[in-house]
Amino acid sequence: MVARSADLLENVRKEVYEMNQHIKVLAVPTDLLDPKSIKALWGKVEEEFGHADVLINNAGTALFGLVSEADQNAWW
């Protein structure tokens, strides 16, 4: 998991472990606007897992507000 806030990442990591303690979670505070920060992130991924199989990018904003509150047809 990647976010700028280490505290936010730690909270989510704890929530994941509460659901399933067997899930391996790598939480890396990263500034995606900083190339050095991104390089450090991929170094940690490689060190921990060897490579990344899946990347889910859910960063960004939407004009319709929170996805959880939006009409599904508006964001599809």
C-alpha atoms as a PDB file:
ATOM      1  CA  MET A   1       0.000   0.000   0.000  1.00  0.00           C
ATOM      2  CA  VAL A   2       1.190   3.484  -0.797  1.00  0.00           C
ATOM      3  CA  ALA A   3       0.124   6.869   0.521  1.00  0.00           C
ATOM      4  CA  ARG A   4       1.849  10.030   1.655  1.00  0.00           C
ATOM      5  CA  SER A   5       0.694   9.561   5.246  1.00  0.00           C
ATOM      6  CA  ALA A   6       2.487   6.905   7.302  1.00  0.00           C
ATOM      7  CA  ASP A   7      -0.256   7.128   9.953  1.00  0.00           C
ATOM      8  CA  LEU A   8      -3.002   6.467   7.408  1.00  0.00           C
ATOM      9  CA  LEU A   9      -1.092   3.490   6.010  1.00  0.00           C
ATOM     10  CA  GLU A  10      -0.564   2.029   9.467  1.00  0.00           C
ATOM     11  CA  ASN A  11      -4.270   2.321  10.270  1.00  0.00           C
ATOM     12  CA  VAL A  12      -5.230   0.511   7.062  1.00  0.00           C
ATOM     13  CA  ARG A  13      -2.536  -2.128   7.608  1.00  0.00           C
ATOM     14  CA  LYS A  14      -3.999  -2.842  11.050  1.00  0.00           C
ATOM     15  CA  GLU A  15      -7.498  -3.124   9.562  1.00  0.00           C
ATOM     16  CA  VAL A  16      -6.244  -5.635   6.989  1.00  0.00           C
ATOM     17  CA  TYR A  17      -4.585  -7.731   9.702  1.00  0.00           C
ATOM     18  CA  GLU A  18      -7.787  -7.659  11.762  1.00  0.00           C
ATOM     19  CA  MET A  19      -9.571  -9.229   8.777  1.00  0.00           C
ATOM     20  CA  ASN A  20      -6.845 -11.768   7.996  1.00  0.00           C
ATOM     21  CA  GLN A  21      -3.525 -12.068   9.824  1.00  0.00           C
ATOM     22  CA  HIS A  22      -2.075 -14.214   7.021  1.00  0.00           C
ATOM     23  CA  ILE A  23      -2.108 -11.398   4.449  1.00  0.00           C
ATOM     24  CA  LYS A  24       1.342  -9.909   3.945  1.00  0.00           C
ATOM     25  CA  VAL A  25       1.058  -6.122   3.848  1.00  0.00           C
ATOM     26  CA  LEU A  26       3.799  -3.776   2.731  1.00  0.00           C
ATOM     27  CA  ALA A  27       2.894  -0.196   3.638  1.00  0.00           C
ATOM     28  CA  VAL A  28       5.284   2.393   2.191  1.00  0.00           C
ATOM     29  CA  PRO A  29       4.844   6.137   2.682  1.00  0.00           C
ATOM     30  CA  THR A  30       5.542   7.561  -0.781  1.00  0.00           C
ATOM     31  CA  ASP A  31       5.254  10.914  -2.521  1.00  0.00           C
ATOM     32  CA  LEU A  32       4.231  10.023  -6.068  1.00  0.00           C
ATOM     33  CA  LEU A  33       5.376  13.449  -7.270  1.00  0.00           C
ATOM     34  CA  ASP A  34       8.963  12.687  -6.191  1.00  0.00           C
ATOM     35  CA  PRO A  35      10.962  10.339  -8.473  1.00  0.00           C
ATOM     36  CA  LYS A  36      13.347   9.418  -5.620  1.00  0.00           C
ATOM     37  CA  SER A  37      10.409   8.443  -3.431  1.00  0.00           C
ATOM     38  CA  ILE A  38       8.973   6.269  -6.209  1.00  0.00           C
ATOM     39  CA  LYS A  39      12.337   4.586  -6.790  1.00  0.00           C
ATOM     40  CA  ALA A  40      12.601   3.850  -3.068  1.00  0.00           C
ATOM     41  CA  LEU A  41       9.082   2.359  -3.126  1.00  0.00           C
ATOM     42  CA  TRP A  42       9.955  -0.052  -5.959  1.00  0.00           C
ATOM     43  CA  GLY A  43      13.172  -0.973  -4.159  1.00  0.00           C
ATOM     44  CA  LYS A  44      11.143  -1.999  -1.116  1.00  0.00           C
ATOM     45  CA  VAL A  45       8.681  -3.955  -3.272  1.00  0.00           C
ATOM     46  CA  GLU A  46      11.556  -5.793  -4.944  1.00  0.00           C
ATOM     47  CA  GLU A  47      13.258  -6.460  -1.607  1.00  0.00           C
ATOM     48  CA  GLU A  48      10.069  -7.795   0.010  1.00  0.00           C
ATOM     49  CA  PHE A  49       8.396  -9.630  -2.884  1.00  0.00           C
ATOM     50  CA  GLY A  50      10.869  -9.748  -5.768  1.00  0.00           C
ATOM     51  CA  HIS A  51       8.391  -8.043  -8.111  1.00  0.00           C
ATOM     52  CA  ALA A  52       4.841  -6.712  -8.257  1.00  0.00           C
ATOM     53  CA  ASP A  53       2.176  -8.862  -9.929  1.00  0.00           C
ATOM     54  CA  VAL A  54      -0.686  -6.401  -9.609  1.00  0.00           C
ATOM     55  CA  LEU A  55      -0.912  -2.636  -9.399  1.00  0.00           C
ATOM     56  CA  ILE A  56      -4.179  -0.949  -8.474  1.00  0.00           C
ATOM     57  CA  ASN A  57      -4.140   2.798  -8.870  1.00  0.00           C
ATOM     58  CA  ASN A  58      -7.009   4.406  -7.022  1.00  0.00           C
ATOM     59  CA  ALA A  59      -5.434   7.825  -6.617  1.00  0.00           C
ATOM     60  CA  GLY A  60      -7.199  10.810  -8.043  1.00  0.00           C
ATOM     61  CA  THR A  61     -10.365  12.777  -7.814  1.00  0.00           C
ATOM     62  CA  ALA A  62     -13.791  12.587  -9.345  1.00  0.00           C
ATOM     63  CA  LEU A  63     -16.235  15.300 -10.275  1.00  0.00           C
ATOM     64  CA  PHE A  64     -19.148  13.442  -8.724  1.00  0.00           C
ATOM     65  CA  GLY A  65     -17.866  13.246  -5.117  1.00  0.00           C
ATOM     66  CA  LEU A  66     -17.237  10.084  -3.136  1.00  0.00           C
ATOM     67  CA  VAL A  67     -17.553   6.870  -5.151  1.00  0.00           C
ATOM     68  CA  SER A  68     -19.421   5.294  -2.227  1.00  0.00           C
ATOM     69  CA  GLU A  69     -22.091   8.005  -2.513  1.00  0.00           C
ATOM     70  CA  ALA A  70     -22.213   8.391  -6.305  1.00  0.00           C
ATOM     71  CA  ASP A  71     -24.642   6.936  -8.783  1.00  0.00           C
ATOM     72  CA  GLN A  72     -22.879   3.896 -10.216  1.00  0.00           C
ATOM     73  CA  ASN A  73     -23.875   4.870 -13.751  1.00  0.00           C
ATOM     74  CA  ALA A  74     -22.128   8.229 -13.315  1.00  0.00           C
ATOM     75  CA  TRP A  75     -18.689   6.712 -12.812  1.00  0.00           C
ATOM     76  CA  TRP A  76     -18.926   3.695 -15.117  1.00  0.00           C
END
